[in-house]
Amino acid sequence: MGLNLAQIDRLLAEWAQKVDIANQNLLDLYDLPAYQRLSGMGNPPSNVTGITQQQASTALTAIERLFEDLELFNQQIDRARRLRRELPALFINDSQLLEIEQLLTGMSIQLPSIQTPLAERGLVSANQQVRAISLAELLDRMSIAFAIARDTFVAVETAWQELESQLITTHQSLAHLQQLAQKLNIATPPALITAQAKFNEIQSQIDRDPLGINRAFVREIAPLIDNSRHELETLDRQRQQLQADFATAPQLLQQLTQLNQDSIAAYTESQSKIQHSLPTIAPLPVAEIAELELWLERLVAKFAAGIIAPVRVGLTNWSHKIQAHTIAAASALTANRLPLARRQELRGRLDALAAKALAKGKAEDPVLTDLGTQARQVLYSSPTDLNLAIELVRQYEQVLNQRLAC
């Protein structure tokens, strides 16, 4: 027993829904940039090669067959709808329903005849085969074609998107490192040259064969970029540190110069104005400081020319030399000022003892007066006999303490 009218209407509605879904999915497929580029919709198709060309050709052939089958599919549904609309309101006979049922469920779709190879013919076999399939079988065949096309175009679209994104990131990294090398005024590192060459090779292949590109290129280029980045950023940090060191170097040189000048003045004064047995240190020869200044100028010139590693070593050695000379100059200044400081300390000490004698009523003591006079003459004469001054102040203090003890 065949389908009744309600079943026919329900079946028509189901097929109509499938047609709508199929059309929507095909529209979504058409909207894929990869499909439009490969099919040449509105523009010449992309000139793909290799694996991409092979799979795209298969997918485009599947789409063409899908279009043909979809036309057959729609024609079959339209015939069934037309027959349904032509049914009378009353007294519908079974043959009319059966005809619609046959269109929707039977082997009613005629496919183009295919040539039968001679090797497969019998004596009375026709040289062509007439084929017919059902709507369900046609839909299955269309679904297979759609899946082939969908998978290919989505794969190409994904490959293009991922590769282009990776290339943009890689290009930005390469450009940044090239600029950094230029800023450092050095030759492009070999690893960066190799990375750029690989990048150019891959870039030229993306449009032609995105599916055939070895995705390992990212793993190949990334270490080269990382090595270059490490090398250049290390040099850049050294350059920045050198800039900071060069900025403070003149101050260090000036500090050493001032210390040495003070040491020279103290040495000259202590030698000319004081006779003493205290150890003094000869100041640093001015020529050595001048040599340090010339050395710094040479380093600055090399740094301006983009030389980093040798300059870094040279400036480190220069800094060590400055530091050693500064320590030596500070020690010399301290030692050379010691006789002057000792004389000044004795003058102050004598004044304090004299004030104490006055306060205790001993200022008129003849021995103290004589010792005080002798001590002042020695302390305020030039050159000062420091050893004699020390002895006279010691005697003055000793006598004062004796007088106060009585």
Protein backbone atom coordinates (compact mmCIF):
# COMPACT_ATOMS: atom_id res chain seq x y z
CA MET A 1 0.00 0.00 0.00
CA GLY A 2 1.39 3.43 -1.00
CA LEU A 3 1.62 6.68 0.88
CA ASN A 4 -1.46 8.69 1.67
CA LEU A 5 -1.78 12.40 1.04
CA ALA A 6 -0.68 13.40 4.57
CA GLN A 7 2.42 11.27 4.23
CA ILE A 8 3.13 12.77 0.80
CA ASP A 9 2.84 16.30 2.23
CA ARG A 10 5.09 15.44 5.15
CA LEU A 11 7.67 13.91 2.84
CA LEU A 12 7.59 16.97 0.57
CA ALA A 13 8.12 19.21 3.57
CA GLU A 14 11.11 17.13 4.71
CA TRP A 15 12.71 17.29 1.26
CA ALA A 16 12.03 21.02 1.04
CA GLN A 17 13.77 21.50 4.38
CA LYS A 18 16.76 19.50 3.16
CA VAL A 19 16.92 21.65 0.03
CA ASP A 20 16.97 24.83 2.15
CA ILE A 21 19.71 23.47 4.39
CA ALA A 22 21.76 22.32 1.39
CA ASN A 23 21.43 25.70 -0.29
CA GLN A 24 22.50 27.52 2.89
CA ASN A 25 25.53 25.27 3.34
CA LEU A 26 26.50 25.82 -0.28
CA LEU A 27 26.19 29.59 0.16
CA ASP A 28 28.48 29.38 3.20
CA LEU A 29 30.93 27.37 1.13
CA TYR A 30 30.81 29.98 -1.66
CA ASP A 31 31.62 32.69 0.91
CA LEU A 32 34.89 31.04 1.89
CA PRO A 33 37.77 33.24 0.60
CA ALA A 34 39.67 30.07 -0.26
CA TYR A 35 36.84 28.89 -2.54
CA GLN A 36 36.57 32.27 -4.20
CA ARG A 37 40.34 32.44 -4.76
CA LEU A 38 40.60 28.89 -6.07
CA SER A 39 37.47 29.00 -8.23
CA GLY A 40 38.18 32.50 -9.55
CA MET A 41 34.75 33.86 -8.66
CA GLY A 42 34.81 37.34 -10.19
CA ASN A 43 38.62 37.17 -10.60
CA PRO A 44 41.22 34.92 -12.21
CA PRO A 45 41.74 31.83 -10.04
CA SER A 46 44.85 31.58 -7.88
CA ASN A 47 47.73 29.89 -9.64
CA VAL A 48 48.20 27.07 -7.16
CA THR A 49 50.58 24.19 -7.61
CA GLY A 50 51.58 20.92 -5.98
CA ILE A 51 49.38 19.27 -3.40
CA THR A 52 47.08 22.29 -3.21
CA GLN A 53 46.52 22.21 -6.99
CA GLN A 54 45.76 18.47 -6.93
CA GLN A 55 43.27 18.68 -4.07
CA ALA A 56 41.72 21.92 -5.32
CA SER A 57 41.18 20.38 -8.75
CA THR A 58 39.41 17.41 -7.18
CA ALA A 59 37.31 19.71 -4.98
CA LEU A 60 36.31 22.00 -7.88
CA THR A 61 35.33 18.95 -9.95
CA ALA A 62 33.23 17.74 -7.01
CA ILE A 63 31.56 21.17 -6.83
CA GLU A 64 30.75 21.09 -10.56
CA ARG A 65 29.17 17.66 -10.17
CA LEU A 66 27.37 18.89 -7.08
CA PHE A 67 25.88 21.78 -9.09
CA GLU A 68 24.67 19.36 -11.75
CA ASP A 69 23.19 17.00 -9.17
CA LEU A 70 21.60 19.87 -7.29
CA GLU A 71 19.83 20.94 -10.46
CA LEU A 72 18.50 17.40 -10.91
CA PHE A 73 17.55 17.37 -7.25
CA ASN A 74 15.60 20.63 -7.47
CA GLN A 75 13.92 19.56 -10.70
CA GLN A 76 12.72 16.37 -9.03
CA ILE A 77 11.33 18.21 -6.02
CA ASP A 78 9.70 20.81 -8.27
CA ARG A 79 7.97 18.08 -10.32
CA ALA A 80 6.68 16.47 -7.15
CA ARG A 81 5.41 19.83 -5.87
CA ARG A 82 3.74 20.62 -9.17
CA LEU A 83 1.96 17.28 -9.20
CA ARG A 84 0.90 17.84 -5.64
CA ARG A 85 -0.58 21.23 -6.52
CA GLU A 86 -2.43 19.68 -9.46
CA LEU A 87 -4.17 17.10 -7.27
CA PRO A 88 -7.92 17.64 -7.07
CA ALA A 89 -9.42 18.59 -3.77
CA LEU A 90 -11.61 15.48 -3.81
CA PHE A 91 -11.50 12.03 -5.28
CA ILE A 92 -7.71 11.62 -5.44
CA ASN A 93 -6.86 8.28 -6.95
CA ASP A 94 -3.99 6.07 -5.86
CA SER A 95 -2.14 6.35 -9.17
CA GLN A 96 -1.72 10.08 -8.71
CA LEU A 97 -0.30 9.63 -5.21
CA LEU A 98 1.87 6.78 -6.45
CA GLU A 99 3.38 8.99 -9.15
CA ILE A 100 4.40 11.60 -6.54
CA GLU A 101 5.66 8.88 -4.21
CA GLN A 102 7.77 7.45 -7.01
CA LEU A 103 9.34 10.86 -7.62
CA LEU A 104 10.21 11.26 -3.94
CA THR A 105 11.30 7.70 -3.05
CA GLY A 106 11.74 5.66 -6.22
CA MET A 107 14.51 5.25 -8.78
CA SER A 108 13.06 8.08 -10.81
CA ILE A 109 16.02 10.37 -11.51
CA GLN A 110 17.57 9.71 -14.90
CA LEU A 111 21.31 10.27 -15.03
CA PRO A 112 23.26 10.89 -18.23
CA SER A 113 24.15 7.69 -20.07
CA ILE A 114 27.70 6.44 -19.70
CA GLN A 115 29.74 4.63 -22.27
CA THR A 116 30.25 0.93 -21.53
CA PRO A 117 33.85 -0.13 -22.17
CA LEU A 118 34.15 -2.80 -24.86
CA ALA A 119 35.78 -5.15 -22.42
CA GLU A 120 32.59 -5.13 -20.35
CA ARG A 121 30.08 -5.62 -23.18
CA GLY A 122 28.40 -8.83 -24.20
CA LEU A 123 27.42 -9.69 -27.72
CA VAL A 124 24.03 -8.12 -27.39
CA SER A 125 24.93 -5.52 -24.74
CA ALA A 126 24.34 -1.87 -25.51
CA ASN A 127 27.34 0.39 -25.73
CA GLN A 128 25.73 2.76 -23.25
CA GLN A 129 24.20 2.29 -19.83
CA VAL A 130 21.10 4.16 -18.77
CA ARG A 131 21.14 4.88 -15.07
CA ALA A 132 18.49 5.98 -12.62
CA ILE A 133 18.74 6.73 -8.91
CA SER A 134 16.47 7.92 -6.11
CA LEU A 135 16.43 11.30 -4.41
CA ALA A 136 18.05 9.74 -1.35
CA GLU A 137 20.88 8.28 -3.40
CA LEU A 138 21.34 11.55 -5.24
CA LEU A 139 21.48 13.38 -1.91
CA ASP A 140 24.12 10.91 -0.67
CA ARG A 141 26.17 11.51 -3.79
CA MET A 142 25.83 15.27 -3.33
CA SER A 143 26.81 14.95 0.34
CA ILE A 144 30.00 13.11 -0.61
CA ALA A 145 30.88 15.78 -3.18
CA PHE A 146 30.13 18.53 -0.66
CA ALA A 147 32.31 16.88 1.98
CA ILE A 148 35.22 16.61 -0.47
CA ALA A 149 34.90 20.26 -1.47
CA ARG A 150 34.27 21.48 2.08
CA ASP A 151 37.24 19.65 3.57
CA THR A 152 39.57 20.88 0.83
CA PHE A 153 38.51 24.52 0.85
CA VAL A 154 38.42 24.71 4.65
CA ALA A 155 41.87 23.12 4.79
CA VAL A 156 43.24 25.62 2.29
CA GLU A 157 41.54 28.52 4.07
CA THR A 158 42.94 27.38 7.42
CA ALA A 159 46.40 26.88 5.93
CA TRP A 160 46.39 30.35 4.37
CA GLN A 161 45.19 31.99 7.57
CA GLU A 162 47.63 30.17 9.85
CA LEU A 163 50.59 30.55 7.52
CA GLU A 164 49.92 34.21 6.83
CA SER A 165 49.56 34.87 10.55
CA GLN A 166 52.83 33.06 11.23
CA LEU A 167 54.52 34.93 8.41
CA ILE A 168 53.32 38.29 9.71
CA THR A 169 54.73 37.49 13.14
CA THR A 170 57.96 36.16 11.65
CA HIS A 171 58.28 39.19 9.34
CA GLN A 172 57.84 41.55 12.27
CA SER A 173 60.52 39.72 14.24
CA LEU A 174 62.93 39.75 11.30
CA ALA A 175 62.30 43.44 10.60
CA HIS A 176 62.80 44.33 14.26
CA LEU A 177 66.10 42.44 14.41
CA GLN A 178 67.29 43.98 11.13
CA GLN A 179 66.57 47.44 12.54
CA LEU A 180 68.33 46.53 15.77
CA ALA A 181 71.41 45.41 13.81
CA GLN A 182 71.37 48.69 11.89
CA LYS A 183 71.01 50.69 15.10
CA LEU A 184 73.97 48.82 16.53
CA ASN A 185 75.85 49.54 13.30
CA ILE A 186 76.94 45.92 12.94
CA ALA A 187 76.74 43.35 10.16
CA THR A 188 73.63 41.20 10.06
CA PRO A 189 74.26 38.02 12.10
CA PRO A 190 74.60 34.86 9.95
CA ALA A 191 71.67 33.21 11.75
CA LEU A 192 69.46 36.17 10.83
CA ILE A 193 70.56 36.00 7.19
CA THR A 194 69.65 32.31 7.08
CA ALA A 195 66.29 32.98 8.75
CA GLN A 196 65.51 35.73 6.22
CA ALA A 197 66.37 33.43 3.30
CA LYS A 198 64.11 30.68 4.63
CA PHE A 199 61.37 33.22 5.23
CA ASN A 200 61.58 34.53 1.65
CA GLU A 201 61.41 30.97 0.32
CA ILE A 202 58.36 30.10 2.37
CA GLN A 203 56.66 33.41 1.58
CA SER A 204 56.89 32.71 -2.15
CA GLN A 205 55.26 29.29 -1.67
CA ILE A 206 52.29 30.28 0.46
CA ASP A 207 50.02 31.51 -2.33
CA ARG A 208 50.99 28.67 -4.64
CA ASP A 209 50.85 25.63 -2.39
CA PRO A 210 49.70 26.28 1.21
CA LEU A 211 48.87 22.60 1.76
CA GLY A 212 52.28 21.47 0.54
CA ILE A 213 54.34 23.75 2.77
CA ASN A 214 56.27 21.94 5.45
CA ARG A 215 54.89 23.37 8.68
CA ALA A 216 58.24 22.65 10.27
CA PHE A 217 59.50 25.89 8.74
CA VAL A 218 58.37 27.69 11.89
CA ARG A 219 60.43 25.31 13.99
CA GLU A 220 63.38 25.85 11.64
CA ILE A 221 63.20 29.65 11.57
CA ALA A 222 62.28 30.20 15.22
CA PRO A 223 65.65 29.02 16.66
CA LEU A 224 67.52 31.18 14.13
CA ILE A 225 65.46 34.20 15.15
CA ASP A 226 65.90 33.39 18.85
CA ASN A 227 69.67 33.09 18.46
CA SER A 228 69.82 36.37 16.54
CA ARG A 229 67.59 38.09 19.07
CA HIS A 230 69.74 36.88 21.95
CA GLU A 231 72.93 38.03 20.21
CA LEU A 232 71.58 41.44 19.20
CA GLU A 233 69.76 42.16 22.44
CA THR A 234 72.88 41.22 24.37
CA LEU A 235 74.86 43.67 22.23
CA ASP A 236 72.14 46.28 22.70
CA ARG A 237 72.25 45.88 26.47
CA GLN A 238 76.03 46.17 26.33
CA ARG A 239 75.67 49.26 24.15
CA GLN A 240 73.25 50.86 26.61
CA GLN A 241 75.54 49.99 29.51
CA LEU A 242 78.49 51.42 27.61
CA GLN A 243 76.52 54.62 27.01
CA ALA A 244 75.86 54.89 30.73
CA ASP A 245 79.50 54.13 31.55
CA PHE A 246 80.75 56.68 29.02
CA ALA A 247 78.39 59.24 30.57
CA THR A 248 80.03 58.80 33.99
CA ALA A 249 83.60 58.32 32.75
CA PRO A 250 84.38 62.08 32.48
CA GLN A 251 83.23 62.53 36.07
CA LEU A 252 85.54 59.73 37.22
CA LEU A 253 88.40 61.30 35.27
CA GLN A 254 87.62 64.72 36.76
CA GLN A 255 87.46 63.24 40.24
CA LEU A 256 90.88 61.64 39.76
CA THR A 257 92.30 64.88 38.33
CA GLN A 258 91.02 66.90 41.30
CA LEU A 259 92.30 64.37 43.83
CA ASN A 260 95.71 64.38 42.19
CA GLN A 261 95.81 68.19 42.06
CA ASP A 262 94.92 68.34 45.76
CA SER A 263 97.58 65.72 46.45
CA ILE A 264 100.17 67.73 44.51
CA ALA A 265 99.27 70.88 46.45
CA ALA A 266 99.40 69.06 49.79
CA TYR A 267 102.68 67.37 48.89
CA THR A 268 104.26 70.64 47.75
CA GLU A 269 103.08 72.52 50.83
CA SER A 270 104.10 69.85 53.29
CA GLN A 271 107.54 69.57 51.65
CA SER A 272 108.14 73.33 51.53
CA LYS A 273 106.60 74.46 54.82
CA ILE A 274 107.26 71.57 57.19
CA GLN A 275 110.30 69.61 58.20
CA HIS A 276 109.03 66.20 59.27
CA SER A 277 109.74 62.51 59.27
CA LEU A 278 106.18 61.44 58.36
CA PRO A 279 105.80 59.29 55.24
CA THR A 280 104.46 61.08 52.15
CA ILE A 281 103.50 59.74 48.72
CA ALA A 282 104.52 61.30 45.46
CA PRO A 283 101.44 62.38 43.47
CA LEU A 284 100.48 60.63 40.23
CA PRO A 285 102.37 62.07 37.24
CA VAL A 286 100.11 64.39 35.26
CA ALA A 287 101.17 62.61 32.07
CA GLU A 288 99.48 59.43 33.26
CA ILE A 289 96.16 61.22 33.73
CA ALA A 290 96.58 62.78 30.29
CA GLU A 291 97.13 59.29 28.87
CA LEU A 292 93.93 58.11 30.54
CA GLU A 293 92.09 61.01 28.91
CA LEU A 294 93.46 60.09 25.47
CA TRP A 295 92.58 56.45 26.08
CA LEU A 296 88.98 57.44 26.87
CA GLU A 297 88.78 59.56 23.71
CA ARG A 298 89.91 56.60 21.60
CA LEU A 299 87.29 54.35 23.20
CA VAL A 300 84.55 56.92 22.58
CA ALA A 301 85.55 57.15 18.91
CA LYS A 302 85.47 53.37 18.49
CA PHE A 303 82.11 53.18 20.22
CA ALA A 304 80.73 55.84 17.88
CA ALA A 305 81.90 53.66 14.98
CA GLY A 306 79.73 50.80 16.23
CA ILE A 307 82.44 48.69 17.87
CA ILE A 308 80.99 47.18 21.01
CA ALA A 309 82.74 44.06 22.31
CA PRO A 310 86.34 45.39 22.14
CA VAL A 311 85.22 48.76 23.50
CA ARG A 312 83.47 47.01 26.37
CA VAL A 313 86.73 45.23 27.28
CA GLY A 314 88.72 48.43 26.84
CA LEU A 315 86.36 50.52 28.96
CA THR A 316 86.41 47.88 31.69
CA ASN A 317 90.21 48.02 31.76
CA TRP A 318 90.09 51.82 31.70
CA SER A 319 87.65 51.84 34.63
CA HIS A 320 89.87 49.48 36.62
CA LYS A 321 92.83 51.76 35.93
CA ILE A 322 90.85 54.84 36.99
CA GLN A 323 89.69 53.09 40.13
CA ALA A 324 93.22 52.04 41.09
CA HIS A 325 94.61 55.53 40.41
CA THR A 326 91.75 57.12 42.37
CA ILE A 327 92.46 54.93 45.40
CA ALA A 328 96.17 55.71 45.10
CA ALA A 329 95.52 59.46 44.72
CA ALA A 330 93.18 59.48 47.72
CA SER A 331 95.81 57.66 49.80
CA ALA A 332 98.50 60.08 48.63
CA LEU A 333 96.31 63.06 49.49
CA THR A 334 95.69 61.70 52.98
CA ALA A 335 99.38 61.00 53.54
CA ASN A 336 100.54 64.34 52.12
CA ARG A 337 98.05 66.28 54.21
CA LEU A 338 99.12 64.52 57.39
CA PRO A 339 102.09 66.83 58.22
CA LEU A 340 99.89 69.89 57.66
CA ALA A 341 97.11 68.37 59.72
CA ARG A 342 99.57 67.43 62.44
CA ARG A 343 100.93 71.02 62.58
CA GLN A 344 97.39 72.39 62.72
CA GLU A 345 96.51 69.98 65.49
CA LEU A 346 99.59 71.08 67.48
CA ARG A 347 98.67 74.75 67.08
CA GLY A 348 95.18 74.07 68.38
CA ARG A 349 96.49 71.94 71.21
CA LEU A 350 98.97 74.68 72.29
CA ASP A 351 96.19 77.28 72.27
CA ALA A 352 94.05 75.02 74.42
CA LEU A 353 96.88 74.46 76.93
CA ALA A 354 97.62 78.19 77.09
CA ALA A 355 93.97 78.90 77.75
CA LYS A 356 93.98 76.31 80.50
CA ALA A 357 97.12 77.86 82.06
CA LEU A 358 95.47 81.28 81.98
CA ALA A 359 92.33 79.96 83.57
CA LYS A 360 94.31 78.30 86.34
CA GLY A 361 96.49 81.35 87.01
CA LYS A 362 99.64 79.80 85.60
CA ALA A 363 100.02 81.96 82.49
CA GLU A 364 102.82 84.03 84.07
CA ASP A 365 104.89 81.00 84.97
CA PRO A 366 108.30 81.72 83.40
CA VAL A 367 108.95 78.14 82.30
CA LEU A 368 105.56 77.86 80.68
CA THR A 369 105.95 81.27 79.10
CA ASP A 370 109.30 80.32 77.63
CA LEU A 371 108.07 76.96 76.35
CA GLY A 372 104.97 78.54 74.87
CA THR A 373 107.01 81.20 73.12
CA GLN A 374 109.40 78.65 71.65
CA ALA A 375 106.56 76.38 70.56
CA ARG A 376 104.72 79.21 68.79
CA GLN A 377 107.88 80.36 67.05
CA VAL A 378 108.45 76.86 65.72
CA LEU A 379 104.78 76.22 64.79
CA TYR A 380 104.39 79.53 62.97
CA SER A 381 107.75 79.56 61.22
CA SER A 382 108.42 78.17 57.77
CA PRO A 383 109.57 75.57 57.40
CA THR A 384 108.15 74.19 60.62
CA ASP A 385 110.33 71.72 62.44
CA LEU A 386 107.50 69.31 63.24
CA ASN A 387 109.49 67.05 65.53
CA LEU A 388 110.70 70.02 67.61
CA ALA A 389 107.18 71.45 67.74
CA ILE A 390 105.86 68.11 68.99
CA GLU A 391 108.49 68.03 71.72
CA LEU A 392 107.91 71.64 72.86
CA VAL A 393 104.12 71.18 73.08
CA ARG A 394 104.67 67.94 74.99
CA GLN A 395 106.97 69.73 77.45
CA TYR A 396 104.51 72.61 77.86
CA GLU A 397 101.74 70.18 78.73
CA GLN A 398 103.97 68.25 81.12
CA VAL A 399 105.09 71.38 83.00
CA LEU A 400 101.51 72.70 83.17
CA ASN A 401 100.31 69.45 84.66
CA GLN A 402 103.11 69.55 87.22
CA ARG A 403 102.27 73.12 88.24
CA LEU A 404 98.62 72.27 88.57
CA ALA A 405 99.42 69.24 90.71
CA CYS A 406 101.28 71.34 93.31
